[in-house]
Amino acid sequence: MNTILLLMTLLRPATSIYDFSFTSIDGKTIHLADFKGKNILIVNTASECGFTKQYKDLQALHERYGKDLVIIGFPANNFGGQEPGSNNEIQDFCEKNYGVSFLLSEKVEVKGEDIHPLFAYLTMIDNPDFKGDIKWNFEKFLINRDGKLIHRYRSKVNPLDDSITNKL
């Protein structure tokens, strides 16, 4: 984590998912507090991964549950260099190949020294599954309507799996 982010975290530690914001892939500031009352599925994504086809199922999930579920993809190049593109290239790829209309973040770091503060928080807080570093692309964090992490899923869990949809 860079020095400025570390100092900000120490001076004002997050107590909720709603304390975070991020920059969308098209440059807008998005505050997670704007999604209070909805479920949120946060996914670290990559365009050149064996799990990239999950974009299709994330889009289907978005279309099916979009009124009550916010899906946010966070492109990251942390694993095997599988997200080498620019924000524009990532957005074009997702729209052209998978019709993605759910929210995408600008490219971020999801582990390591420059980890995005949201992912530092998500990987450290207690949850019913496991905590610690993200292991690969397309890990998923399901946040309930009250802003609590209720389940964390590894990459192999498909977005349309009952273990996800039954919690929506």
Protein backbone atom coordinates (compact mmCIF):
# COMPACT_ATOMS: atom_id res chain seq x y z
CA MET A 1 0.00 0.00 0.00
CA ASN A 2 1.48 3.36 -0.88
CA THR A 3 2.40 5.76 1.92
CA ILE A 4 -0.49 8.20 1.41
CA LEU A 5 -3.11 5.45 1.41
CA LEU A 6 -1.51 3.85 4.46
CA LEU A 7 -1.60 7.15 6.36
CA MET A 8 -5.22 7.76 5.37
CA THR A 9 -6.17 4.27 6.52
CA LEU A 10 -4.39 4.73 9.86
CA LEU A 11 -5.86 8.17 10.47
CA ARG A 12 -9.40 7.26 9.47
CA PRO A 13 -9.86 3.48 9.44
CA ALA A 14 -12.83 2.19 7.48
CA THR A 15 -15.64 0.69 9.51
CA SER A 16 -17.90 -0.23 6.61
CA ILE A 17 -17.86 -1.00 2.91
CA TYR A 18 -19.71 2.30 2.56
CA ASP A 19 -16.59 4.23 3.58
CA PHE A 20 -15.02 3.47 0.19
CA SER A 21 -15.12 5.00 -3.25
CA PHE A 22 -13.39 4.18 -6.50
CA THR A 23 -12.97 5.57 -9.98
CA SER A 24 -15.08 3.94 -12.68
CA ILE A 25 -13.48 2.81 -15.93
CA ASP A 26 -14.82 5.98 -17.56
CA GLY A 27 -13.31 8.26 -14.90
CA LYS A 28 -16.25 8.97 -12.57
CA THR A 29 -15.96 8.82 -8.79
CA ILE A 30 -18.31 6.15 -7.41
CA HIS A 31 -19.20 6.03 -3.71
CA LEU A 32 -20.25 2.64 -2.39
CA ALA A 33 -22.53 4.46 0.07
CA ASP A 34 -24.75 5.22 -2.94
CA PHE A 35 -25.60 1.50 -3.04
CA LYS A 36 -26.97 1.21 0.51
CA GLY A 37 -29.96 -1.11 0.56
CA LYS A 38 -28.70 -3.24 -2.35
CA ASN A 39 -26.58 -6.35 -2.50
CA ILE A 40 -23.14 -5.76 -4.03
CA LEU A 41 -20.97 -8.32 -5.80
CA ILE A 42 -17.35 -7.20 -6.11
CA VAL A 43 -15.18 -9.18 -8.54
CA ASN A 44 -11.55 -8.76 -9.55
CA THR A 45 -11.46 -9.36 -13.30
CA ALA A 46 -9.03 -9.92 -16.17
CA SER A 47 -9.49 -10.10 -19.94
CA GLU A 48 -6.96 -12.85 -20.72
CA CYS A 49 -7.75 -15.40 -18.03
CA GLY A 50 -9.25 -18.86 -18.20
CA PHE A 51 -12.11 -17.46 -16.10
CA THR A 52 -12.73 -14.47 -18.42
CA LYS A 53 -15.86 -16.19 -19.78
CA GLN A 54 -17.41 -15.41 -16.37
CA TYR A 55 -18.03 -11.91 -17.75
CA LYS A 56 -20.95 -13.47 -19.67
CA ASP A 57 -22.45 -14.91 -16.48
CA LEU A 58 -21.81 -11.72 -14.51
CA GLN A 59 -23.75 -9.86 -17.21
CA ALA A 60 -26.58 -12.42 -17.00
CA LEU A 61 -26.64 -12.01 -13.20
CA HIS A 62 -26.76 -8.24 -13.67
CA GLU A 63 -29.69 -8.53 -16.08
CA ARG A 64 -31.58 -10.92 -13.81
CA TYR A 65 -31.03 -9.20 -10.44
CA GLY A 66 -29.98 -5.67 -11.43
CA LYS A 67 -32.71 -3.91 -9.45
CA ASP A 68 -31.41 -5.35 -6.18
CA LEU A 69 -27.80 -6.22 -7.01
CA VAL A 70 -24.89 -4.02 -8.01
CA ILE A 71 -22.08 -5.88 -9.75
CA ILE A 72 -18.72 -4.16 -9.86
CA GLY A 73 -15.82 -5.56 -11.85
CA PHE A 74 -12.35 -4.40 -10.82
CA PRO A 75 -9.88 -5.14 -13.63
CA ALA A 76 -6.47 -6.03 -12.22
CA ASN A 77 -3.19 -7.19 -13.71
CA ASN A 78 -1.93 -8.90 -10.55
CA PHE A 79 -2.07 -12.49 -11.76
CA GLY A 80 -0.02 -13.69 -14.69
CA GLY A 81 -0.19 -10.35 -16.52
CA GLN A 82 -3.69 -11.30 -17.68
CA GLU A 83 -5.05 -7.74 -17.76
CA PRO A 84 -2.41 -5.83 -19.74
CA GLY A 85 -4.76 -3.39 -21.48
CA SER A 86 -5.58 0.24 -20.81
CA ASN A 87 -8.92 1.24 -19.30
CA ASN A 88 -10.28 2.01 -22.79
CA GLU A 89 -9.09 -1.33 -24.15
CA ILE A 90 -10.63 -3.20 -21.20
CA GLN A 91 -13.95 -1.40 -21.55
CA ASP A 92 -14.06 -2.03 -25.33
CA PHE A 93 -13.18 -5.71 -24.83
CA CYS A 94 -15.90 -6.21 -22.21
CA GLU A 95 -18.60 -4.46 -24.23
CA LYS A 96 -17.69 -6.07 -27.58
CA ASN A 97 -17.18 -9.64 -26.37
CA TYR A 98 -19.61 -9.93 -23.45
CA GLY A 99 -22.04 -7.02 -23.72
CA VAL A 100 -20.99 -5.85 -20.26
CA SER A 101 -23.21 -3.08 -18.95
CA PHE A 102 -22.54 -3.56 -15.24
CA LEU A 103 -20.19 -1.21 -13.45
CA LEU A 104 -16.46 -1.48 -14.08
CA SER A 105 -13.71 0.20 -12.10
CA GLU A 106 -10.59 1.63 -13.58
CA LYS A 107 -7.73 -0.88 -13.51
CA VAL A 108 -6.54 -1.36 -9.91
CA GLU A 109 -4.18 -3.44 -7.80
CA VAL A 110 -5.96 -6.09 -5.71
CA LYS A 111 -2.92 -7.27 -3.79
CA GLY A 112 0.59 -6.17 -3.00
CA GLU A 113 2.13 -2.88 -2.00
CA ASP A 114 -0.25 -0.70 -4.05
CA ILE A 115 -3.45 -2.61 -3.20
CA HIS A 116 -6.61 -0.55 -3.60
CA PRO A 117 -7.92 0.35 -0.11
CA LEU A 118 -11.23 -1.44 -0.79
CA PHE A 119 -9.42 -4.72 -1.40
CA ALA A 120 -7.15 -4.20 1.60
CA TYR A 121 -10.33 -3.92 3.67
CA LEU A 122 -12.16 -6.84 2.02
CA THR A 123 -9.25 -9.23 2.41
CA MET A 124 -8.67 -8.37 6.08
CA ILE A 125 -12.17 -8.26 7.57
CA ASP A 126 -13.68 -11.30 9.21
CA ASN A 127 -16.12 -13.26 7.11
CA PRO A 128 -17.70 -16.71 7.23
CA ASP A 129 -15.32 -18.13 4.64
CA PHE A 130 -11.69 -17.06 4.64
CA LYS A 131 -9.58 -13.95 4.65
CA GLY A 132 -6.21 -13.08 3.25
CA ASP A 133 -4.83 -12.28 -0.16
CA ILE A 134 -6.79 -12.86 -3.31
CA LYS A 135 -5.38 -15.95 -5.00
CA TRP A 136 -6.42 -15.36 -8.64
CA ASN A 137 -8.68 -13.45 -11.04
CA PHE A 138 -12.47 -13.54 -10.60
CA GLU A 139 -12.64 -13.92 -6.84
CA LYS A 140 -15.97 -12.62 -5.62
CA PHE A 141 -17.12 -10.76 -2.51
CA LEU A 142 -20.86 -10.70 -1.82
CA ILE A 143 -21.99 -7.78 0.32
CA ASN A 144 -25.54 -7.78 1.74
CA ARG A 145 -28.04 -4.91 1.80
CA ASP A 146 -26.62 -3.78 5.16
CA GLY A 147 -23.08 -3.48 3.83
CA LYS A 148 -21.74 -6.64 5.46
CA LEU A 149 -19.54 -9.16 3.67
CA ILE A 150 -21.61 -12.33 3.79
CA HIS A 151 -19.63 -14.62 1.53
CA ARG A 152 -16.35 -14.74 -0.35
CA TYR A 153 -15.96 -17.03 -3.33
CA ARG A 154 -12.87 -18.29 -5.09
CA SER A 155 -12.46 -17.99 -8.86
CA LYS A 156 -13.96 -21.37 -9.75
CA VAL A 157 -17.40 -20.44 -8.39
CA ASN A 158 -19.53 -19.34 -11.32
CA PRO A 159 -21.49 -16.09 -10.80
CA LEU A 160 -24.77 -17.94 -11.54
CA ASP A 161 -24.05 -20.68 -9.00
CA ASP A 162 -26.83 -21.33 -6.48
CA SER A 163 -24.43 -20.50 -3.66
CA ILE A 164 -24.55 -16.92 -4.93
CA THR A 165 -28.08 -16.58 -6.32
CA ASN A 166 -29.71 -18.11 -3.24
CA LYS A 167 -28.24 -15.26 -1.16
CA LEU A 168 -29.75 -12.50 -3.32
